[in-house]
Amino acid sequence: MLAALAEGIDETTARQLLTRRPPAGWDTLAQPLADMPLLAPGRHLLTLNSDYFSLRMVVRLSDTNYRQYSLLQRSNGQARVLRRHWEIEE
């Protein structure tokens, strides 16, 4: 995604830049833009919010694992499931 937003950046450079991301993420958009000035032209496409979440759940019953993967969207204090996928491993 980063390589697509920043013109002239290759995948290796994008990966190196992302290693500078703080473990808890950035507090402001100015922080990653200062580290990655190549993103400035695409600034209007960027935001620092967490409206989408990936959920992975594993339940084991007897000798069978049941897995569920969900993509959730948060909006107006509510969460809704955008996509859900189940797997059974015996």
C-alpha atoms as a PDB file:
ATOM      1  CA  MET A   1       0.000   0.000   0.000  1.00  0.00           C
ATOM      2  CA  LEU A   2       2.779   2.393   0.929  1.00  0.00           C
ATOM      3  CA  ALA A   3       4.623   1.748  -2.335  1.00  0.00           C
ATOM      4  CA  ALA A   4       1.418   2.486  -4.253  1.00  0.00           C
ATOM      5  CA  LEU A   5       0.834   5.800  -2.428  1.00  0.00           C
ATOM      6  CA  ALA A   6       4.391   7.118  -2.705  1.00  0.00           C
ATOM      7  CA  GLU A   7       5.580   7.683  -6.239  1.00  0.00           C
ATOM      8  CA  GLY A   8       9.136   6.497  -6.833  1.00  0.00           C
ATOM      9  CA  ILE A   9       9.359   4.227  -3.792  1.00  0.00           C
ATOM     10  CA  ASP A  10      10.129   0.531  -4.184  1.00  0.00           C
ATOM     11  CA  GLU A  11       8.931  -2.283  -1.950  1.00  0.00           C
ATOM     12  CA  THR A  12      12.254  -2.654  -0.130  1.00  0.00           C
ATOM     13  CA  THR A  13      12.358   1.040   0.785  1.00  0.00           C
ATOM     14  CA  ALA A  14       8.712   0.939   1.854  1.00  0.00           C
ATOM     15  CA  ARG A  15       9.442  -1.982   4.187  1.00  0.00           C
ATOM     16  CA  GLN A  16      12.428  -0.133   5.676  1.00  0.00           C
ATOM     17  CA  LEU A  17      10.317   2.959   6.306  1.00  0.00           C
ATOM     18  CA  LEU A  18       7.615   0.926   8.002  1.00  0.00           C
ATOM     19  CA  THR A  19      10.130  -0.552  10.446  1.00  0.00           C
ATOM     20  CA  ARG A  20      10.337   2.973  11.928  1.00  0.00           C
ATOM     21  CA  ARG A  21       6.680   2.817  12.965  1.00  0.00           C
ATOM     22  CA  PRO A  22       6.372   2.997  16.755  1.00  0.00           C
ATOM     23  CA  PRO A  23       4.961  -0.188  18.348  1.00  0.00           C
ATOM     24  CA  ALA A  24       1.793   1.653  19.424  1.00  0.00           C
ATOM     25  CA  GLY A  25       1.466   3.501  16.104  1.00  0.00           C
ATOM     26  CA  TRP A  26       1.728   7.197  15.353  1.00  0.00           C
ATOM     27  CA  ASP A  27      -0.134   9.834  17.364  1.00  0.00           C
ATOM     28  CA  THR A  28      -0.452  12.272  14.462  1.00  0.00           C
ATOM     29  CA  LEU A  29      -0.242  12.070  10.690  1.00  0.00           C
ATOM     30  CA  ALA A  30       2.592  14.611  10.793  1.00  0.00           C
ATOM     31  CA  GLN A  31       4.902  12.000  12.348  1.00  0.00           C
ATOM     32  CA  PRO A  32       4.938   9.464   9.490  1.00  0.00           C
ATOM     33  CA  LEU A  33       4.929  12.275   6.915  1.00  0.00           C
ATOM     34  CA  ALA A  34       8.079  13.725   8.503  1.00  0.00           C
ATOM     35  CA  ASP A  35       9.749  10.311   8.204  1.00  0.00           C
ATOM     36  CA  MET A  36       8.379   9.656   4.716  1.00  0.00           C
ATOM     37  CA  PRO A  37       8.156  12.917   2.733  1.00  0.00           C
ATOM     38  CA  LEU A  38       7.367  10.902  -0.408  1.00  0.00           C
ATOM     39  CA  LEU A  39       3.875  10.437   1.054  1.00  0.00           C
ATOM     40  CA  ALA A  40       3.111  14.170   1.090  1.00  0.00           C
ATOM     41  CA  PRO A  41       1.394  14.221  -2.345  1.00  0.00           C
ATOM     42  CA  GLY A  42      -1.006  11.498  -1.154  1.00  0.00           C
ATOM     43  CA  ARG A  43      -1.695  13.112   2.219  1.00  0.00           C
ATOM     44  CA  HIS A  44      -5.388  13.587   1.369  1.00  0.00           C
ATOM     45  CA  LEU A  45      -5.692   9.781   1.077  1.00  0.00           C
ATOM     46  CA  LEU A  46      -4.232   9.087   4.534  1.00  0.00           C
ATOM     47  CA  THR A  47      -5.806   9.011   7.961  1.00  0.00           C
ATOM     48  CA  LEU A  48      -4.867   7.734  11.401  1.00  0.00           C
ATOM     49  CA  ASN A  49      -7.950   6.055  12.735  1.00  0.00           C
ATOM     50  CA  SER A  50      -8.988   2.559  13.631  1.00  0.00           C
ATOM     51  CA  ASP A  51     -12.367   1.940  12.097  1.00  0.00           C
ATOM     52  CA  TYR A  52     -11.563  -1.506  10.715  1.00  0.00           C
ATOM     53  CA  PHE A  53     -10.456  -4.492  12.760  1.00  0.00           C
ATOM     54  CA  SER A  54      -9.535  -8.057  11.996  1.00  0.00           C
ATOM     55  CA  LEU A  55     -10.723 -10.675  14.487  1.00  0.00           C
ATOM     56  CA  ARG A  56      -9.460 -14.245  14.638  1.00  0.00           C
ATOM     57  CA  MET A  57     -11.093 -16.704  16.994  1.00  0.00           C
ATOM     58  CA  VAL A  58     -10.203 -20.347  17.597  1.00  0.00           C
ATOM     59  CA  VAL A  59     -12.430 -22.722  19.573  1.00  0.00           C
ATOM     60  CA  ARG A  60     -11.351 -26.262  20.323  1.00  0.00           C
ATOM     61  CA  LEU A  61     -14.019 -28.893  21.024  1.00  0.00           C
ATOM     62  CA  SER A  62     -12.785 -32.440  21.570  1.00  0.00           C
ATOM     63  CA  ASP A  63     -10.273 -33.001  18.768  1.00  0.00           C
ATOM     64  CA  THR A  64     -11.642 -30.358  16.410  1.00  0.00           C
ATOM     65  CA  ASN A  65     -10.555 -26.748  15.997  1.00  0.00           C
ATOM     66  CA  TYR A  66     -13.139 -24.255  14.771  1.00  0.00           C
ATOM     67  CA  ARG A  67     -11.703 -21.014  13.409  1.00  0.00           C
ATOM     68  CA  GLN A  68     -13.535 -17.837  12.576  1.00  0.00           C
ATOM     69  CA  TYR A  69     -12.036 -14.827  10.849  1.00  0.00           C
ATOM     70  CA  SER A  70     -14.035 -11.601  10.759  1.00  0.00           C
ATOM     71  CA  LEU A  71     -13.537  -8.117   9.361  1.00  0.00           C
ATOM     72  CA  LEU A  72     -15.282  -5.596  11.597  1.00  0.00           C
ATOM     73  CA  GLN A  73     -16.083  -1.941  10.976  1.00  0.00           C
ATOM     74  CA  ARG A  74     -16.635   0.504  13.824  1.00  0.00           C
ATOM     75  CA  SER A  75     -19.017   3.392  13.195  1.00  0.00           C
ATOM     76  CA  ASN A  76     -21.027   5.616  15.554  1.00  0.00           C
ATOM     77  CA  GLY A  77     -20.141   3.516  18.585  1.00  0.00           C
ATOM     78  CA  GLN A  78     -21.335   0.315  16.902  1.00  0.00           C
ATOM     79  CA  ALA A  79     -19.426  -2.521  15.259  1.00  0.00           C
ATOM     80  CA  ARG A  80     -20.681  -4.473  12.283  1.00  0.00           C
ATOM     81  CA  VAL A  81     -19.343  -7.527  10.513  1.00  0.00           C
ATOM     82  CA  LEU A  82     -18.271  -6.824   6.949  1.00  0.00           C
ATOM     83  CA  ARG A  83     -16.964 -10.294   6.215  1.00  0.00           C
ATOM     84  CA  ARG A  84     -16.784 -13.607   8.034  1.00  0.00           C
ATOM     85  CA  HIS A  85     -15.039 -16.866   7.188  1.00  0.00           C
ATOM     86  CA  TRP A  86     -15.132 -20.211   9.066  1.00  0.00           C
ATOM     87  CA  GLU A  87     -12.784 -23.170   8.971  1.00  0.00           C
ATOM     88  CA  ILE A  88     -12.943 -26.574  10.623  1.00  0.00           C
ATOM     89  CA  GLU A  89      -9.770 -28.514  11.327  1.00  0.00           C
ATOM     90  CA  GLU A  90     -10.236 -32.107  12.415  1.00  0.00           C
END
